[in-house]
Amino acid sequence: MIDALFVEPTLVIAATCLVGLCVVAFALLRGWQGWLELKRQELDRAGHSGPAEIEGGAGVGAARIELADLKERIRKLEAIASGVEL
């Protein structure tokens, strides 16, 4: 029986591939769990940092106003590019 395992190289190759696949899957799983833990820590830090702010230090309300202003400016630039008068 033991000689049959050493005689059949296909079985040895298949077993080696299966073990290698398990090792790679385990390593990827550990990496995924580490990445999830990192993201959890980032979310915890962001949750305790206080009120949300944009680059200039303004609050969320000012960010919405700034975003609306930028959208309006983009709309005007697109109109200029297409040759339409506002």
N, C-alpha and C. Protein backbone atom coordinates (compact mmCIF):
# COMPACT_ATOMS: atom_id res chain seq x y z
N MET A 1 0.82 -1.19 0.00
CA MET A 1 0.00 0.00 0.00
C MET A 1 0.86 1.26 0.00
N ILE A 2 1.91 1.27 0.81
CA ILE A 2 2.80 2.43 0.86
C ILE A 2 3.52 2.60 -0.47
N ASP A 3 3.90 1.51 -1.10
CA ASP A 3 4.57 1.59 -2.40
C ASP A 3 3.64 2.16 -3.46
N ALA A 4 2.35 1.93 -3.34
CA ALA A 4 1.40 2.44 -4.32
C ALA A 4 1.35 3.96 -4.29
N LEU A 5 1.52 4.57 -3.13
CA LEU A 5 1.52 6.03 -3.05
C LEU A 5 2.75 6.63 -3.72
N PHE A 6 3.88 5.98 -3.58
CA PHE A 6 5.10 6.52 -4.17
C PHE A 6 5.19 6.22 -5.66
N VAL A 7 4.50 5.21 -6.11
CA VAL A 7 4.54 4.84 -7.52
C VAL A 7 3.66 5.78 -8.33
N GLU A 8 2.58 6.23 -7.76
CA GLU A 8 1.63 7.06 -8.49
C GLU A 8 1.97 8.54 -8.31
N PRO A 9 2.69 9.15 -9.25
CA PRO A 9 3.09 10.56 -9.10
C PRO A 9 1.91 11.53 -9.22
N THR A 10 0.87 11.14 -9.91
CA THR A 10 -0.29 12.02 -10.05
C THR A 10 -0.94 12.28 -8.70
N LEU A 11 -1.00 11.26 -7.87
CA LEU A 11 -1.57 11.41 -6.54
C LEU A 11 -0.73 12.34 -5.68
N VAL A 12 0.58 12.21 -5.78
CA VAL A 12 1.48 13.07 -5.01
C VAL A 12 1.36 14.52 -5.48
N ILE A 13 1.28 14.72 -6.79
CA ILE A 13 1.14 16.07 -7.33
C ILE A 13 -0.19 16.68 -6.90
N ALA A 14 -1.26 15.90 -6.96
CA ALA A 14 -2.58 16.39 -6.56
C ALA A 14 -2.60 16.75 -5.08
N ALA A 15 -2.00 15.92 -4.24
CA ALA A 15 -1.97 16.20 -2.81
C ALA A 15 -1.15 17.45 -2.52
N THR A 16 -0.03 17.60 -3.21
CA THR A 16 0.81 18.78 -3.03
C THR A 16 0.07 20.05 -3.45
N CYS A 17 -0.64 19.97 -4.57
CA CYS A 17 -1.41 21.13 -5.03
C CYS A 17 -2.52 21.48 -4.03
N LEU A 18 -3.16 20.47 -3.48
CA LEU A 18 -4.21 20.72 -2.50
C LEU A 18 -3.66 21.38 -1.25
N VAL A 19 -2.53 20.92 -0.78
CA VAL A 19 -1.90 21.53 0.40
C VAL A 19 -1.48 22.97 0.09
N GLY A 20 -0.90 23.20 -1.08
CA GLY A 20 -0.51 24.55 -1.48
C GLY A 20 -1.70 25.48 -1.58
N LEU A 21 -2.79 24.98 -2.13
CA LEU A 21 -4.00 25.78 -2.24
C LEU A 21 -4.55 26.14 -0.86
N CYS A 22 -4.51 25.20 0.06
CA CYS A 22 -4.96 25.47 1.43
C CYS A 22 -4.09 26.53 2.11
N VAL A 23 -2.79 26.46 1.89
CA VAL A 23 -1.88 27.44 2.48
C VAL A 23 -2.17 28.83 1.93
N VAL A 24 -2.35 28.93 0.61
CA VAL A 24 -2.64 30.23 -0.01
C VAL A 24 -3.98 30.77 0.48
N ALA A 25 -4.99 29.91 0.55
CA ALA A 25 -6.30 30.34 1.03
C ALA A 25 -6.23 30.83 2.47
N PHE A 26 -5.47 30.14 3.31
CA PHE A 26 -5.32 30.56 4.70
C PHE A 26 -4.62 31.92 4.79
N ALA A 27 -3.58 32.11 3.98
CA ALA A 27 -2.86 33.38 4.00
C ALA A 27 -3.76 34.52 3.53
N LEU A 28 -4.55 34.28 2.48
CA LEU A 28 -5.46 35.31 2.00
C LEU A 28 -6.54 35.63 3.04
N LEU A 29 -7.03 34.62 3.72
CA LEU A 29 -8.03 34.83 4.76
C LEU A 29 -7.47 35.67 5.90
N ARG A 30 -6.26 35.39 6.31
CA ARG A 30 -5.62 36.18 7.38
C ARG A 30 -5.43 37.63 6.93
N GLY A 31 -5.02 37.82 5.68
CA GLY A 31 -4.86 39.17 5.16
C GLY A 31 -6.18 39.93 5.12
N TRP A 32 -7.24 39.25 4.71
CA TRP A 32 -8.57 39.86 4.66
C TRP A 32 -9.03 40.26 6.06
N GLN A 33 -8.82 39.38 7.03
CA GLN A 33 -9.21 39.69 8.41
C GLN A 33 -8.41 40.88 8.94
N GLY A 34 -7.14 40.95 8.61
CA GLY A 34 -6.32 42.08 9.03
C GLY A 34 -6.80 43.38 8.41
N TRP A 35 -7.18 43.32 7.12
CA TRP A 35 -7.66 44.52 6.44
C TRP A 35 -8.98 44.98 7.07
N LEU A 36 -9.87 44.04 7.38
CA LEU A 36 -11.13 44.40 8.02
C LEU A 36 -10.90 45.02 9.39
N GLU A 37 -9.96 44.49 10.14
CA GLU A 37 -9.65 45.05 11.45
C GLU A 37 -9.10 46.48 11.32
N LEU A 38 -8.25 46.70 10.31
CA LEU A 38 -7.73 48.04 10.06
C LEU A 38 -8.85 49.01 9.75
N LYS A 39 -9.79 48.60 8.91
CA LYS A 39 -10.91 49.48 8.57
C LYS A 39 -11.80 49.74 9.79
N ARG A 40 -11.97 48.74 10.65
CA ARG A 40 -12.74 48.95 11.89
C ARG A 40 -12.07 50.00 12.76
N GLN A 41 -10.75 49.92 12.87
CA GLN A 41 -10.02 50.89 13.68
C GLN A 41 -10.14 52.29 13.08
N GLU A 42 -10.07 52.39 11.75
CA GLU A 42 -10.21 53.69 11.10
C GLU A 42 -11.60 54.28 11.36
N LEU A 43 -12.62 53.44 11.28
CA LEU A 43 -13.98 53.92 11.54
C LEU A 43 -14.16 54.34 12.99
N ASP A 44 -13.56 53.60 13.91
CA ASP A 44 -13.64 53.98 15.33
C ASP A 44 -12.96 55.32 15.57
N ARG A 45 -11.79 55.52 14.96
CA ARG A 45 -11.08 56.80 15.11
C ARG A 45 -11.87 57.94 14.50
N ALA A 46 -12.47 57.71 13.33
CA ALA A 46 -13.24 58.77 12.67
C ALA A 46 -14.50 59.10 13.46
N GLY A 47 -15.07 58.12 14.13
CA GLY A 47 -16.29 58.36 14.91
C GLY A 47 -16.04 59.17 16.16
N HIS A 48 -14.83 59.13 16.71
CA HIS A 48 -14.52 59.83 17.95
C HIS A 48 -13.81 61.16 17.72
N SER A 49 -13.64 61.55 16.45
CA SER A 49 -12.87 62.76 16.17
C SER A 49 -13.69 64.04 16.30
N GLY A 50 -14.97 63.94 16.51
CA GLY A 50 -15.80 65.13 16.65
C GLY A 50 -16.64 65.35 15.42
N PRO A 51 -17.15 66.58 15.24
CA PRO A 51 -18.01 66.84 14.09
C PRO A 51 -17.25 66.75 12.78
N ALA A 52 -17.97 66.36 11.73
CA ALA A 52 -17.34 66.22 10.42
C ALA A 52 -16.95 67.58 9.87
N GLU A 53 -15.80 67.64 9.24
CA GLU A 53 -15.31 68.89 8.66
C GLU A 53 -14.77 68.62 7.27
N ILE A 54 -14.74 69.66 6.46
CA ILE A 54 -14.11 69.56 5.15
C ILE A 54 -12.71 70.14 5.25
N GLU A 55 -12.04 70.26 4.11
CA GLU A 55 -10.63 70.67 4.11
C GLU A 55 -10.37 71.98 4.85
N GLY A 56 -11.18 72.98 4.62
CA GLY A 56 -10.94 74.28 5.22
C GLY A 56 -11.33 74.37 6.67
N GLY A 57 -11.88 73.31 7.24
CA GLY A 57 -12.28 73.32 8.63
C GLY A 57 -13.74 73.69 8.82
N ALA A 58 -14.49 73.83 7.72
CA ALA A 58 -15.91 74.18 7.82
C ALA A 58 -16.72 72.93 8.13
N GLY A 59 -17.92 73.13 8.64
CA GLY A 59 -18.79 72.01 8.99
C GLY A 59 -19.50 71.42 7.79
N VAL A 60 -20.41 70.49 8.07
CA VAL A 60 -21.12 69.77 7.02
C VAL A 60 -22.03 70.71 6.22
N GLY A 61 -22.68 71.64 6.88
CA GLY A 61 -23.56 72.57 6.18
C GLY A 61 -22.80 73.41 5.16
N ALA A 62 -21.64 73.90 5.56
CA ALA A 62 -20.82 74.68 4.64
C ALA A 62 -20.32 73.81 3.49
N ALA A 63 -20.08 72.55 3.76
CA ALA A 63 -19.63 71.64 2.71
C ALA A 63 -20.71 71.46 1.66
N ARG A 64 -21.96 71.37 2.10
CA ARG A 64 -23.06 71.23 1.14
C ARG A 64 -23.21 72.48 0.28
N ILE A 65 -23.05 73.63 0.90
CA ILE A 65 -23.13 74.89 0.15
C ILE A 65 -22.00 74.96 -0.86
N GLU A 66 -20.81 74.59 -0.43
CA GLU A 66 -19.66 74.61 -1.33
C GLU A 66 -19.86 73.63 -2.48
N LEU A 67 -20.41 72.47 -2.20
CA LEU A 67 -20.66 71.47 -3.24
C LEU A 67 -21.68 71.99 -4.24
N ALA A 68 -22.74 72.64 -3.77
CA ALA A 68 -23.74 73.20 -4.66
C ALA A 68 -23.12 74.29 -5.53
N ASP A 69 -22.24 75.11 -4.95
CA ASP A 69 -21.56 76.15 -5.71
C ASP A 69 -20.68 75.54 -6.79
N LEU A 70 -19.96 74.49 -6.45
CA LEU A 70 -19.10 73.84 -7.45
C LEU A 70 -19.93 73.22 -8.57
N LYS A 71 -21.07 72.63 -8.25
CA LYS A 71 -21.93 72.06 -9.28
C LYS A 71 -22.44 73.15 -10.23
N GLU A 72 -22.80 74.29 -9.67
CA GLU A 72 -23.27 75.41 -10.49
C GLU A 72 -22.15 75.91 -11.40
N ARG A 73 -20.95 76.01 -10.88
CA ARG A 73 -19.82 76.45 -11.70
C ARG A 73 -19.54 75.47 -12.82
N ILE A 74 -19.64 74.17 -12.53
CA ILE A 74 -19.43 73.15 -13.56
C ILE A 74 -20.51 73.27 -14.63
N ARG A 75 -21.75 73.47 -14.22
CA ARG A 75 -22.85 73.63 -15.17
C ARG A 75 -22.59 74.82 -16.10
N LYS A 76 -22.11 75.93 -15.54
CA LYS A 76 -21.82 77.11 -16.35
C LYS A 76 -20.67 76.85 -17.31
N LEU A 77 -19.62 76.17 -16.84
CA LEU A 77 -18.49 75.86 -17.71
C LEU A 77 -18.89 74.91 -18.84
N GLU A 78 -19.76 73.95 -18.55
CA GLU A 78 -20.23 73.06 -19.60
C GLU A 78 -21.06 73.82 -20.63
N ALA A 79 -21.86 74.78 -20.16
CA ALA A 79 -22.65 75.59 -21.08
C ALA A 79 -21.75 76.43 -21.97
N ILE A 80 -20.70 76.99 -21.40
CA ILE A 80 -19.75 77.78 -22.19
C ILE A 80 -19.05 76.89 -23.21
N ALA A 81 -18.67 75.69 -22.80
CA ALA A 81 -17.98 74.77 -23.71
C ALA A 81 -18.87 74.33 -24.86
N SER A 82 -20.17 74.20 -24.62
CA SER A 82 -21.07 73.78 -25.70
C SER A 82 -21.59 74.96 -26.51
N GLY A 83 -21.28 76.18 -26.11
CA GLY A 83 -21.66 77.36 -26.86
C GLY A 83 -23.05 77.87 -26.54
N VAL A 84 -23.63 77.49 -25.43
CA VAL A 84 -24.97 77.92 -25.04
C VAL A 84 -24.84 79.12 -24.12
N GLU A 85 -25.68 80.14 -24.38
CA GLU A 85 -25.70 81.32 -23.51
C GLU A 85 -26.61 81.05 -22.32
N LEU A 86 -26.21 81.50 -21.14
CA LEU A 86 -27.04 81.33 -19.95
C LEU A 86 -27.90 82.53 -19.70
